[in-house]
Amino acid sequence: MIKLVFMIRRVDGMSFEAFVEHHRDHHAPLFTSIPEAARYVRKYTVSHPVPADGYPKPAYDGLTELWFASWADHHAFFASTNYRELVHPDEARFIDLASVEVLVTKETTVV
């Protein structure tokens, strides 16, 4: 299983609350509405920081995690017309794309 973690920040001028609302309540449903999400994506999550005493201020406003069974599925998803024409353009509406950090991993469950 291939896991991609996208650490994201909001665009300038957008409040954290508006960012979370757009990511969770608009972008995520848009993402899952395309047939390629059901066909190629094994798991999709969005996460946002919460207040946590004793921890440093978060470096990012959120993260998105995507799991694919193979690189072929990854490539097919991101090359799809629905992703390129519907989902990807929405990302620039709330994500500072220049500051996105990506970590490609192979997840191992320990506990």
PDB file of N, CA and C in Angstrom:
ATOM      1  N   MET A   1       0.844  -1.171   0.000  1.00  0.00           N
ATOM      2  CA  MET A   1       0.000   0.000   0.000  1.00  0.00           C
ATOM      3  C   MET A   1       0.893   1.239   0.000  1.00  0.00           C
ATOM      4  N   ILE A   2       0.577   2.186  -0.838  1.00  0.00           N
ATOM      5  CA  ILE A   2       1.304   3.443  -0.925  1.00  0.00           C
ATOM      6  C   ILE A   2       0.458   4.518  -0.254  1.00  0.00           C
ATOM      7  N   LYS A   3       1.079   5.256   0.643  1.00  0.00           N
ATOM      8  CA  LYS A   3       0.374   6.318   1.358  1.00  0.00           C
ATOM      9  C   LYS A   3       1.070   7.641   1.066  1.00  0.00           C
ATOM     10  N   LEU A   4       0.264   8.633   0.682  1.00  0.00           N
ATOM     11  CA  LEU A   4       0.765   9.983   0.465  1.00  0.00           C
ATOM     12  C   LEU A   4       0.167  10.881   1.536  1.00  0.00           C
ATOM     13  N   VAL A   5       1.018  11.679   2.155  1.00  0.00           N
ATOM     14  CA  VAL A   5       0.582  12.641   3.153  1.00  0.00           C
ATOM     15  C   VAL A   5       0.908  14.027   2.608  1.00  0.00           C
ATOM     16  N   PHE A   6      -0.116  14.854   2.439  1.00  0.00           N
ATOM     17  CA  PHE A   6       0.037  16.225   1.965  1.00  0.00           C
ATOM     18  C   PHE A   6      -0.167  17.155   3.149  1.00  0.00           C
ATOM     19  N   MET A   7       0.880  17.848   3.576  1.00  0.00           N
ATOM     20  CA  MET A   7       0.788  18.822   4.657  1.00  0.00           C
ATOM     21  C   MET A   7       0.497  20.165   4.003  1.00  0.00           C
ATOM     22  N   ILE A   8      -0.615  20.803   4.414  1.00  0.00           N
ATOM     23  CA  ILE A   8      -1.106  21.965   3.676  1.00  0.00           C
ATOM     24  C   ILE A   8      -1.344  23.174   4.579  1.00  0.00           C
ATOM     25  N   ARG A   9      -1.223  24.338   3.943  1.00  0.00           N
ATOM     26  CA  ARG A   9      -1.533  25.612   4.601  1.00  0.00           C
ATOM     27  C   ARG A   9      -2.609  26.315   3.787  1.00  0.00           C
ATOM     28  N   ARG A  10      -3.365  27.157   4.462  1.00  0.00           N
ATOM     29  CA  ARG A  10      -4.443  27.888   3.797  1.00  0.00           C
ATOM     30  C   ARG A  10      -3.878  29.056   2.980  1.00  0.00           C
ATOM     31  N   VAL A  11      -4.666  29.478   2.001  1.00  0.00           N
ATOM     32  CA  VAL A  11      -4.286  30.634   1.190  1.00  0.00           C
ATOM     33  C   VAL A  11      -4.329  31.894   2.057  1.00  0.00           C
ATOM     34  N   ASP A  12      -3.527  32.872   1.679  1.00  0.00           N
ATOM     35  CA  ASP A  12      -3.510  34.155   2.390  1.00  0.00           C
ATOM     36  C   ASP A  12      -4.908  34.757   2.410  1.00  0.00           C
ATOM     37  N   GLY A  13      -5.267  35.294   3.560  1.00  0.00           N
ATOM     38  CA  GLY A  13      -6.542  35.970   3.700  1.00  0.00           C
ATOM     39  C   GLY A  13      -7.699  35.076   4.102  1.00  0.00           C
ATOM     40  N   MET A  14      -7.501  33.769   4.146  1.00  0.00           N
ATOM     41  CA  MET A  14      -8.573  32.844   4.538  1.00  0.00           C
ATOM     42  C   MET A  14      -8.414  32.507   6.012  1.00  0.00           C
ATOM     43  N   SER A  15      -9.498  32.570   6.745  1.00  0.00           N
ATOM     44  CA  SER A  15      -9.442  32.199   8.161  1.00  0.00           C
ATOM     45  C   SER A  15      -9.255  30.692   8.292  1.00  0.00           C
ATOM     46  N   PHE A  16      -8.726  30.287   9.440  1.00  0.00           N
ATOM     47  CA  PHE A  16      -8.556  28.858   9.699  1.00  0.00           C
ATOM     48  C   PHE A  16      -9.911  28.152   9.643  1.00  0.00           C
ATOM     49  N   GLU A  17     -10.941  28.770  10.223  1.00  0.00           N
ATOM     50  CA  GLU A  17     -12.280  28.159  10.245  1.00  0.00           C
ATOM     51  C   GLU A  17     -12.833  27.978   8.833  1.00  0.00           C
ATOM     52  N   ALA A  18     -12.647  28.980   7.974  1.00  0.00           N
ATOM     53  CA  ALA A  18     -13.114  28.865   6.585  1.00  0.00           C
ATOM     54  C   ALA A  18     -12.316  27.799   5.837  1.00  0.00           C
ATOM     55  N   PHE A  19     -11.026  27.707   6.127  1.00  0.00           N
ATOM     56  CA  PHE A  19     -10.180  26.683   5.508  1.00  0.00           C
ATOM     57  C   PHE A  19     -10.678  25.282   5.867  1.00  0.00           C
ATOM     58  N   VAL A  20     -10.893  25.053   7.152  1.00  0.00           N
ATOM     59  CA  VAL A  20     -11.363  23.736   7.607  1.00  0.00           C
ATOM     60  C   VAL A  20     -12.718  23.410   6.977  1.00  0.00           C
ATOM     61  N   GLU A  21     -13.623  24.383   6.998  1.00  0.00           N
ATOM     62  CA  GLU A  21     -14.958  24.159   6.426  1.00  0.00           C
ATOM     63  C   GLU A  21     -14.854  23.798   4.947  1.00  0.00           C
ATOM     64  N   HIS A  22     -14.026  24.517   4.196  1.00  0.00           N
ATOM     65  CA  HIS A  22     -13.907  24.233   2.766  1.00  0.00           C
ATOM     66  C   HIS A  22     -13.277  22.858   2.541  1.00  0.00           C
ATOM     67  N   HIS A  23     -12.215  22.580   3.262  1.00  0.00           N
ATOM     68  CA  HIS A  23     -11.517  21.298   3.097  1.00  0.00           C
ATOM     69  C   HIS A  23     -12.430  20.125   3.433  1.00  0.00           C
ATOM     70  N   ARG A  24     -13.090  20.198   4.563  1.00  0.00           N
ATOM     71  CA  ARG A  24     -13.915  19.095   5.070  1.00  0.00           C
ATOM     72  C   ARG A  24     -15.278  19.000   4.385  1.00  0.00           C
ATOM     73  N   ASP A  25     -15.941  20.164   4.199  1.00  0.00           N
ATOM     74  CA  ASP A  25     -17.341  20.143   3.769  1.00  0.00           C
ATOM     75  C   ASP A  25     -17.562  20.424   2.290  1.00  0.00           C
ATOM     76  N   HIS A  26     -16.541  20.891   1.594  1.00  0.00           N
ATOM     77  CA  HIS A  26     -16.673  21.128   0.156  1.00  0.00           C
ATOM     78  C   HIS A  26     -15.703  20.253  -0.645  1.00  0.00           C
ATOM     79  N   HIS A  27     -14.404  20.382  -0.336  1.00  0.00           N
ATOM     80  CA  HIS A  27     -13.407  19.669  -1.145  1.00  0.00           C
ATOM     81  C   HIS A  27     -13.498  18.148  -0.970  1.00  0.00           C
ATOM     82  N   ALA A  28     -13.605  17.687   0.266  1.00  0.00           N
ATOM     83  CA  ALA A  28     -13.679  16.233   0.488  1.00  0.00           C
ATOM     84  C   ALA A  28     -14.869  15.606  -0.236  1.00  0.00           C
ATOM     85  N   PRO A  29     -16.089  16.175  -0.132  1.00  0.00           N
ATOM     86  CA  PRO A  29     -17.201  15.604  -0.902  1.00  0.00           C
ATOM     87  C   PRO A  29     -16.986  15.697  -2.416  1.00  0.00           C
ATOM     88  N   LEU A  30     -16.357  16.781  -2.884  1.00  0.00           N
ATOM     89  CA  LEU A  30     -16.046  16.883  -4.307  1.00  0.00           C
ATOM     90  C   LEU A  30     -15.091  15.774  -4.717  1.00  0.00           C
ATOM     91  N   PHE A  31     -14.044  15.566  -3.923  1.00  0.00           N
ATOM     92  CA  PHE A  31     -13.066  14.509  -4.177  1.00  0.00           C
ATOM     93  C   PHE A  31     -13.753  13.147  -4.263  1.00  0.00           C
ATOM     94  N   THR A  32     -14.580  12.836  -3.281  1.00  0.00           N
ATOM     95  CA  THR A  32     -15.213  11.512  -3.244  1.00  0.00           C
ATOM     96  C   THR A  32     -16.335  11.359  -4.266  1.00  0.00           C
ATOM     97  N   SER A  33     -16.777  12.457  -4.881  1.00  0.00           N
ATOM     98  CA  SER A  33     -17.859  12.378  -5.866  1.00  0.00           C
ATOM     99  C   SER A  33     -17.400  11.852  -7.216  1.00  0.00           C
ATOM    100  N   ILE A  34     -16.112  11.891  -7.482  1.00  0.00           N
ATOM    101  CA  ILE A  34     -15.664  11.422  -8.798  1.00  0.00           C
ATOM    102  C   ILE A  34     -15.480   9.905  -8.756  1.00  0.00           C
ATOM    103  N   PRO A  35     -15.869   9.218  -9.811  1.00  0.00           N
ATOM    104  CA  PRO A  35     -15.796   7.745  -9.812  1.00  0.00           C
ATOM    105  C   PRO A  35     -14.386   7.204  -9.606  1.00  0.00           C
ATOM    106  N   GLU A  36     -13.375   7.953 -10.015  1.00  0.00           N
ATOM    107  CA  GLU A  36     -11.991   7.504  -9.862  1.00  0.00           C
ATOM    108  C   GLU A  36     -11.584   7.382  -8.396  1.00  0.00           C
ATOM    109  N   ALA A  37     -12.213   8.151  -7.531  1.00  0.00           N
ATOM    110  CA  ALA A  37     -11.909   8.030  -6.096  1.00  0.00           C
ATOM    111  C   ALA A  37     -12.306   6.643  -5.604  1.00  0.00           C
ATOM    112  N   ALA A  38     -13.494   6.190  -5.958  1.00  0.00           N
ATOM    113  CA  ALA A  38     -13.933   4.857  -5.537  1.00  0.00           C
ATOM    114  C   ALA A  38     -13.119   3.764  -6.222  1.00  0.00           C
ATOM    115  N   ARG A  39     -12.705   4.010  -7.446  1.00  0.00           N
ATOM    116  CA  ARG A  39     -11.988   2.987  -8.207  1.00  0.00           C
ATOM    117  C   ARG A  39     -10.531   2.829  -7.773  1.00  0.00           C
ATOM    118  N   TYR A  40      -9.837   3.954  -7.507  1.00  0.00           N
ATOM    119  CA  TYR A  40      -8.397   3.895  -7.290  1.00  0.00           C
ATOM    120  C   TYR A  40      -7.928   4.190  -5.862  1.00  0.00           C
ATOM    121  N   VAL A  41      -8.686   4.947  -5.108  1.00  0.00           N
ATOM    122  CA  VAL A  41      -8.240   5.372  -3.783  1.00  0.00           C
ATOM    123  C   VAL A  41      -8.758   4.380  -2.740  1.00  0.00           C
ATOM    124  N   ARG A  42      -7.848   3.826  -1.945  1.00  0.00           N
ATOM    125  CA  ARG A  42      -8.232   2.838  -0.929  1.00  0.00           C
ATOM    126  C   ARG A  42      -8.672   3.501   0.373  1.00  0.00           C
ATOM    127  N   LYS A  43      -8.096   4.678   0.672  1.00  0.00           N
ATOM    128  CA  LYS A  43      -8.476   5.414   1.872  1.00  0.00           C
ATOM    129  C   LYS A  43      -8.139   6.876   1.643  1.00  0.00           C
ATOM    130  N   TYR A  44      -8.999   7.750   2.179  1.00  0.00           N
ATOM    131  CA  TYR A  44      -8.817   9.193   2.025  1.00  0.00           C
ATOM    132  C   TYR A  44      -9.236   9.844   3.332  1.00  0.00           C
ATOM    133  N   THR A  45      -8.331  10.631   3.929  1.00  0.00           N
ATOM    134  CA  THR A  45      -8.669  11.330   5.164  1.00  0.00           C
ATOM    135  C   THR A  45      -8.228  12.783   5.066  1.00  0.00           C
ATOM    136  N   VAL A  46      -8.947  13.631   5.793  1.00  0.00           N
ATOM    137  CA  VAL A  46      -8.530  15.013   5.983  1.00  0.00           C
ATOM    138  C   VAL A  46      -8.465  15.251   7.482  1.00  0.00           C
ATOM    139  N   SER A  47      -7.447  15.986   7.914  1.00  0.00           N
ATOM    140  CA  SER A  47      -7.242  16.241   9.339  1.00  0.00           C
ATOM    141  C   SER A  47      -6.853  17.698   9.535  1.00  0.00           C
ATOM    142  N   HIS A  48      -7.228  18.215  10.715  1.00  0.00           N
ATOM    143  CA  HIS A  48      -6.930  19.607  11.049  1.00  0.00           C
ATOM    144  C   HIS A  48      -6.510  19.686  12.506  1.00  0.00           C
ATOM    145  N   PRO A  49      -5.562  20.579  12.836  1.00  0.00           N
ATOM    146  CA  PRO A  49      -5.076  20.675  14.208  1.00  0.00           C
ATOM    147  C   PRO A  49      -6.165  21.122  15.181  1.00  0.00           C
ATOM    148  N   VAL A  50      -6.018  20.661  16.401  1.00  0.00           N
ATOM    149  CA  VAL A  50      -6.887  21.068  17.503  1.00  0.00           C
ATOM    150  C   VAL A  50      -5.993  21.612  18.619  1.00  0.00           C
ATOM    151  N   PRO A  51      -6.542  22.464  19.483  1.00  0.00           N
ATOM    152  CA  PRO A  51      -5.734  22.966  20.596  1.00  0.00           C
ATOM    153  C   PRO A  51      -5.183  21.814  21.433  1.00  0.00           C
ATOM    154  N   ALA A  52      -3.905  21.908  21.774  1.00  0.00           N
ATOM    155  CA  ALA A  52      -3.266  20.832  22.531  1.00  0.00           C
ATOM    156  C   ALA A  52      -2.221  21.430  23.467  1.00  0.00           C
ATOM    157  N   ASP A  53      -2.576  21.549  24.729  1.00  0.00           N
ATOM    158  CA  ASP A  53      -1.645  22.094  25.719  1.00  0.00           C
ATOM    159  C   ASP A  53      -0.361  21.276  25.755  1.00  0.00           C
ATOM    160  N   GLY A  54       0.758  21.978  25.810  1.00  0.00           N
ATOM    161  CA  GLY A  54       2.047  21.311  25.912  1.00  0.00           C
ATOM    162  C   GLY A  54       2.672  20.939  24.578  1.00  0.00           C
ATOM    163  N   TYR A  55       1.978  21.206  23.475  1.00  0.00           N
ATOM    164  CA  TYR A  55       2.520  20.910  22.153  1.00  0.00           C
ATOM    165  C   TYR A  55       2.771  22.214  21.415  1.00  0.00           C
ATOM    166  N   PRO A  56       3.742  22.230  20.506  1.00  0.00           N
ATOM    167  CA  PRO A  56       4.012  23.465  19.763  1.00  0.00           C
ATOM    168  C   PRO A  56       2.863  23.813  18.820  1.00  0.00           C
ATOM    169  N   LYS A  57       2.841  25.082  18.420  1.00  0.00           N
ATOM    170  CA  LYS A  57       1.858  25.531  17.438  1.00  0.00           C
ATOM    171  C   LYS A  57       2.047  24.720  16.155  1.00  0.00           C
ATOM    172  N   PRO A  58       0.966  24.264  15.533  1.00  0.00           N
ATOM    173  CA  PRO A  58       1.101  23.455  14.310  1.00  0.00           C
ATOM    174  C   PRO A  58       1.784  24.229  13.180  1.00  0.00           C
ATOM    175  N   ALA A  59       2.612  23.538  12.438  1.00  0.00           N
ATOM    176  CA  ALA A  59       3.302  24.133  11.294  1.00  0.00           C
ATOM    177  C   ALA A  59       2.399  24.188  10.065  1.00  0.00           C
ATOM    178  N   TYR A  60       1.330  23.415  10.074  1.00  0.00           N
ATOM    179  CA  TYR A  60       0.412  23.335   8.936  1.00  0.00           C
ATOM    180  C   TYR A  60      -1.020  23.490   9.424  1.00  0.00           C
ATOM    181  N   ASP A  61      -1.896  23.896   8.505  1.00  0.00           N
ATOM    182  CA  ASP A  61      -3.316  24.059   8.831  1.00  0.00           C
ATOM    183  C   ASP A  61      -4.097  22.764   8.664  1.00  0.00           C
ATOM    184  N   GLY A  62      -3.516  21.796   7.994  1.00  0.00           N
ATOM    185  CA  GLY A  62      -4.214  20.530   7.803  1.00  0.00           C
ATOM    186  C   GLY A  62      -3.351  19.548   7.042  1.00  0.00           C
ATOM    187  N   LEU A  63      -3.907  18.379   6.891  1.00  0.00           N
ATOM    188  CA  LEU A  63      -3.247  17.385   6.056  1.00  0.00           C
ATOM    189  C   LEU A  63      -4.270  16.488   5.414  1.00  0.00           C
ATOM    190  N   THR A  64      -3.869  15.978   4.279  1.00  0.00           N
ATOM    191  CA  THR A  64      -4.679  15.028   3.531  1.00  0.00           C
ATOM    192  C   THR A  64      -3.856  13.763   3.379  1.00  0.00           C
ATOM    193  N   GLU A  65      -4.490  12.620   3.609  1.00  0.00           N
ATOM    194  CA  GLU A  65      -3.818  11.337   3.430  1.00  0.00           C
ATOM    195  C   GLU A  65      -4.560  10.549   2.354  1.00  0.00           C
ATOM    196  N   LEU A  66      -3.796   9.988   1.434  1.00  0.00           N
ATOM    197  CA  LEU A  66      -4.347   9.164   0.357  1.00  0.00           C
ATOM    198  C   LEU A  66      -3.608   7.842   0.314  1.00  0.00           C
ATOM    199  N   TRP A  67      -4.348   6.761   0.255  1.00  0.00           N
ATOM    200  CA  TRP A  67      -3.771   5.427   0.123  1.00  0.00           C
ATOM    201  C   TRP A  67      -4.139   4.857  -1.243  1.00  0.00           C
ATOM    202  N   PHE A  68      -3.142   4.286  -1.890  1.00  0.00           N
ATOM    203  CA  PHE A  68      -3.335   3.607  -3.178  1.00  0.00           C
ATOM    204  C   PHE A  68      -2.760   2.197  -3.078  1.00  0.00           C
ATOM    205  N   ALA A  69      -3.374   1.263  -3.765  1.00  0.00           N
ATOM    206  CA  ALA A  69      -2.882  -0.111  -3.763  1.00  0.00           C
ATOM    207  C   ALA A  69      -1.610  -0.253  -4.594  1.00  0.00           C
ATOM    208  N   SER A  70      -1.433   0.631  -5.581  1.00  0.00           N
ATOM    209  CA  SER A  70      -0.270   0.519  -6.471  1.00  0.00           C
ATOM    210  C   SER A  70       0.057   1.878  -7.078  1.00  0.00           C
ATOM    211  N   TRP A  71       1.254   1.974  -7.649  1.00  0.00           N
ATOM    212  CA  TRP A  71       1.611   3.187  -8.367  1.00  0.00           C
ATOM    213  C   TRP A  71       0.736   3.353  -9.600  1.00  0.00           C
ATOM    214  N   ALA A  72       0.332   2.259 -10.221  1.00  0.00           N
ATOM    215  CA  ALA A  72      -0.551   2.341 -11.392  1.00  0.00           C
ATOM    216  C   ALA A  72      -1.871   3.023 -11.015  1.00  0.00           C
ATOM    217  N   ASP A  73      -2.428   2.663  -9.850  1.00  0.00           N
ATOM    218  CA  ASP A  73      -3.668   3.305  -9.389  1.00  0.00           C
ATOM    219  C   ASP A  73      -3.429   4.789  -9.098  1.00  0.00           C
ATOM    220  N   HIS A  74      -2.316   5.103  -8.468  1.00  0.00           N
ATOM    221  CA  HIS A  74      -1.946   6.492  -8.189  1.00  0.00           C
ATOM    222  C   HIS A  74      -1.905   7.296  -9.486  1.00  0.00           C
ATOM    223  N   HIS A  75      -1.176   6.788 -10.475  1.00  0.00           N
ATOM    224  CA  HIS A  75      -1.032   7.498 -11.738  1.00  0.00           C
ATOM    225  C   HIS A  75      -2.374   7.648 -12.452  1.00  0.00           C
ATOM    226  N   ALA A  76      -3.177   6.583 -12.444  1.00  0.00           N
ATOM    227  CA  ALA A  76      -4.488   6.633 -13.111  1.00  0.00           C
ATOM    228  C   ALA A  76      -5.392   7.671 -12.457  1.00  0.00           C
ATOM    229  N   PHE A  77      -5.372   7.733 -11.128  1.00  0.00           N
ATOM    230  CA  PHE A  77      -6.217   8.699 -10.433  1.00  0.00           C
ATOM    231  C   PHE A  77      -5.821  10.127 -10.793  1.00  0.00           C
ATOM    232  N   PHE A  78      -4.538  10.464 -10.617  1.00  0.00           N
ATOM    233  CA  PHE A  78      -4.107  11.840 -10.841  1.00  0.00           C
ATOM    234  C   PHE A  78      -4.132  12.243 -12.313  1.00  0.00           C
ATOM    235  N   ALA A  79      -4.120  11.279 -13.232  1.00  0.00           N
ATOM    236  CA  ALA A  79      -4.211  11.573 -14.662  1.00  0.00           C
ATOM    237  C   ALA A  79      -5.649  11.667 -15.145  1.00  0.00           C
ATOM    238  N   SER A  80      -6.592  11.283 -14.314  1.00  0.00           N
ATOM    239  CA  SER A  80      -7.986  11.260 -14.760  1.00  0.00           C
ATOM    240  C   SER A  80      -8.500  12.667 -15.060  1.00  0.00           C
ATOM    241  N   THR A  81      -9.367  12.752 -16.037  1.00  0.00           N
ATOM    242  CA  THR A  81      -9.972  14.026 -16.417  1.00  0.00           C
ATOM    243  C   THR A  81     -10.763  14.613 -15.262  1.00  0.00           C
ATOM    244  N   ASN A  82     -11.487  13.788 -14.534  1.00  0.00           N
ATOM    245  CA  ASN A  82     -12.285  14.294 -13.405  1.00  0.00           C
ATOM    246  C   ASN A  82     -11.411  14.919 -12.328  1.00  0.00           C
ATOM    247  N   TYR A  83     -10.288  14.305 -12.018  1.00  0.00           N
ATOM    248  CA  TYR A  83      -9.393  14.904 -11.032  1.00  0.00           C
ATOM    249  C   TYR A  83      -8.834  16.218 -11.582  1.00  0.00           C
ATOM    250  N   ARG A  84      -8.307  16.183 -12.796  1.00  0.00           N
ATOM    251  CA  ARG A  84      -7.645  17.352 -13.363  1.00  0.00           C
ATOM    252  C   ARG A  84      -8.595  18.530 -13.589  1.00  0.00           C
ATOM    253  N   GLU A  85      -9.850  18.254 -13.967  1.00  0.00           N
ATOM    254  CA  GLU A  85     -10.777  19.335 -14.314  1.00  0.00           C
ATOM    255  C   GLU A  85     -11.713  19.739 -13.184  1.00  0.00           C
ATOM    256  N   LEU A  86     -11.974  18.851 -12.228  1.00  0.00           N
ATOM    257  CA  LEU A  86     -12.919  19.155 -11.153  1.00  0.00           C
ATOM    258  C   LEU A  86     -12.253  19.345  -9.796  1.00  0.00           C
ATOM    259  N   VAL A  87     -11.429  18.391  -9.395  1.00  0.00           N
ATOM    260  CA  VAL A  87     -10.870  18.385  -8.049  1.00  0.00           C
ATOM    261  C   VAL A  87      -9.656  19.303  -7.944  1.00  0.00           C
ATOM    262  N   HIS A  88      -8.702  19.132  -8.834  1.00  0.00           N
ATOM    263  CA  HIS A  88      -7.467  19.915  -8.747  1.00  0.00           C
ATOM    264  C   HIS A  88      -7.701  21.429  -8.764  1.00  0.00           C
ATOM    265  N   PRO A  89      -8.560  21.959  -9.641  1.00  0.00           N
ATOM    266  CA  PRO A  89      -8.773  23.412  -9.625  1.00  0.00           C
ATOM    267  C   PRO A  89      -9.309  23.927  -8.282  1.00  0.00           C
ATOM    268  N   ASP A  90     -10.064  23.116  -7.572  1.00  0.00           N
ATOM    269  CA  ASP A  90     -10.602  23.546  -6.276  1.00  0.00           C
ATOM    270  C   ASP A  90      -9.500  23.686  -5.234  1.00  0.00           C
ATOM    271  N   GLU A  91      -8.424  22.934  -5.362  1.00  0.00           N
ATOM    272  CA  GLU A  91      -7.345  22.974  -4.371  1.00  0.00           C
ATOM    273  C   GLU A  91      -6.755  24.381  -4.238  1.00  0.00           C
ATOM    274  N   ALA A  92      -6.614  25.085  -5.345  1.00  0.00           N
ATOM    275  CA  ALA A  92      -6.037  26.432  -5.316  1.00  0.00           C
ATOM    276  C   ALA A  92      -6.959  27.445  -4.640  1.00  0.00           C
ATOM    277  N   ARG A  93      -8.212  27.104  -4.453  1.00  0.00           N
ATOM    278  CA  ARG A  93      -9.156  28.024  -3.805  1.00  0.00           C
ATOM    279  C   ARG A  93      -8.927  28.124  -2.298  1.00  0.00           C
ATOM    280  N   PHE A  94      -8.297  27.106  -1.711  1.00  0.00           N
ATOM    281  CA  PHE A  94      -8.128  27.136  -0.260  1.00  0.00           C
ATOM    282  C   PHE A  94      -6.739  26.712   0.211  1.00  0.00           C
ATOM    283  N   ILE A  95      -5.941  26.105  -0.640  1.00  0.00           N
ATOM    284  CA  ILE A  95      -4.603  25.632  -0.273  1.00  0.00           C
ATOM    285  C   ILE A  95      -3.548  26.535  -0.904  1.00  0.00           C
ATOM    286  N   ASP A  96      -2.565  26.932  -0.112  1.00  0.00           N
ATOM    287  CA  ASP A  96      -1.388  27.631  -0.635  1.00  0.00           C
ATOM    288  C   ASP A  96      -0.512  26.560  -1.292  1.00  0.00           C
ATOM    289  N   LEU A  97      -0.711  26.350  -2.571  1.00  0.00           N
ATOM    290  CA  LEU A  97      -0.060  25.241  -3.274  1.00  0.00           C
ATOM    291  C   LEU A  97       1.465  25.331  -3.261  1.00  0.00           C
ATOM    292  N   ALA A  98       2.008  26.527  -3.179  1.00  0.00           N
ATOM    293  CA  ALA A  98       3.463  26.692  -3.166  1.00  0.00           C
ATOM    294  C   ALA A  98       4.086  26.178  -1.869  1.00  0.00           C
ATOM    295  N   SER A  99       3.299  26.047  -0.811  1.00  0.00           N
ATOM    296  CA  SER A  99       3.859  25.629   0.480  1.00  0.00           C
ATOM    297  C   SER A  99       3.549  24.173   0.833  1.00  0.00           C
ATOM    298  N   VAL A 100       2.908  23.441  -0.057  1.00  0.00           N
ATOM    299  CA  VAL A 100       2.539  22.050   0.226  1.00  0.00           C
ATOM    300  C   VAL A 100       3.790  21.191   0.359  1.00  0.00           C
ATOM    301  N   GLU A 101       3.812  20.383   1.389  1.00  0.00           N
ATOM    302  CA  GLU A 101       4.866  19.376   1.568  1.00  0.00           C
ATOM    303  C   GLU A 101       4.229  18.005   1.411  1.00  0.00           C
ATOM    304  N   VAL A 102       4.919  17.099   0.748  1.00  0.00           N
ATOM    305  CA  VAL A 102       4.389  15.762   0.481  1.00  0.00           C
ATOM    306  C   VAL A 102       5.356  14.721   1.043  1.00  0.00           C
ATOM    307  N   LEU A 103       4.800  13.747   1.711  1.00  0.00           N
ATOM    308  CA  LEU A 103       5.579  12.622   2.204  1.00  0.00           C
ATOM    309  C   LEU A 103       4.954  11.351   1.620  1.00  0.00           C
ATOM    310  N   VAL A 104       5.740  10.605   0.871  1.00  0.00           N
ATOM    311  CA  VAL A 104       5.289   9.322   0.316  1.00  0.00           C
ATOM    312  C   VAL A 104       5.819   8.236   1.228  1.00  0.00           C
ATOM    313  N   THR A 105       4.922   7.391   1.718  1.00  0.00           N
ATOM    314  CA  THR A 105       5.320   6.402   2.718  1.00  0.00           C
ATOM    315  C   THR A 105       4.749   5.027   2.411  1.00  0.00           C
ATOM    316  N   LYS A 106       5.298   4.068   3.105  1.00  0.00           N
ATOM    317  CA  LYS A 106       4.710   2.742   3.187  1.00  0.00           C
ATOM    318  C   LYS A 106       4.370   2.585   4.660  1.00  0.00           C
ATOM    319  N   GLU A 107       3.080   2.575   4.958  1.00  0.00           N
ATOM    320  CA  GLU A 107       2.640   2.529   6.336  1.00  0.00           C
ATOM    321  C   GLU A 107       2.799   1.118   6.921  1.00  0.00           C
ATOM    322  N   THR A 108       3.298   1.060   8.155  1.00  0.00           N
ATOM    323  CA  THR A 108       3.414  -0.196   8.883  1.00  0.00           C
ATOM    324  C   THR A 108       2.679  -0.037  10.210  1.00  0.00           C
ATOM    325  N   THR A 109       1.668  -0.831  10.442  1.00  0.00           N
ATOM    326  CA  THR A 109       0.940  -0.790  11.706  1.00  0.00           C
ATOM    327  C   THR A 109       1.759  -1.523  12.749  1.00  0.00           C
ATOM    328  N   VAL A 110       2.017  -0.857  13.865  1.00  0.00           N
ATOM    329  CA  VAL A 110       2.811  -1.444  14.933  1.00  0.00           C
ATOM    330  C   VAL A 110       1.915  -1.902  16.077  1.00  0.00           C
ATOM    331  N   VAL A 111       0.919  -1.109  16.428  1.00  0.00           N
ATOM    332  CA  VAL A 111      -0.010  -1.474  17.503  1.00  0.00           C
ATOM    333  C   VAL A 111      -1.404  -1.524  16.913  1.00  0.00           C
TER     334      VAL A 111
END
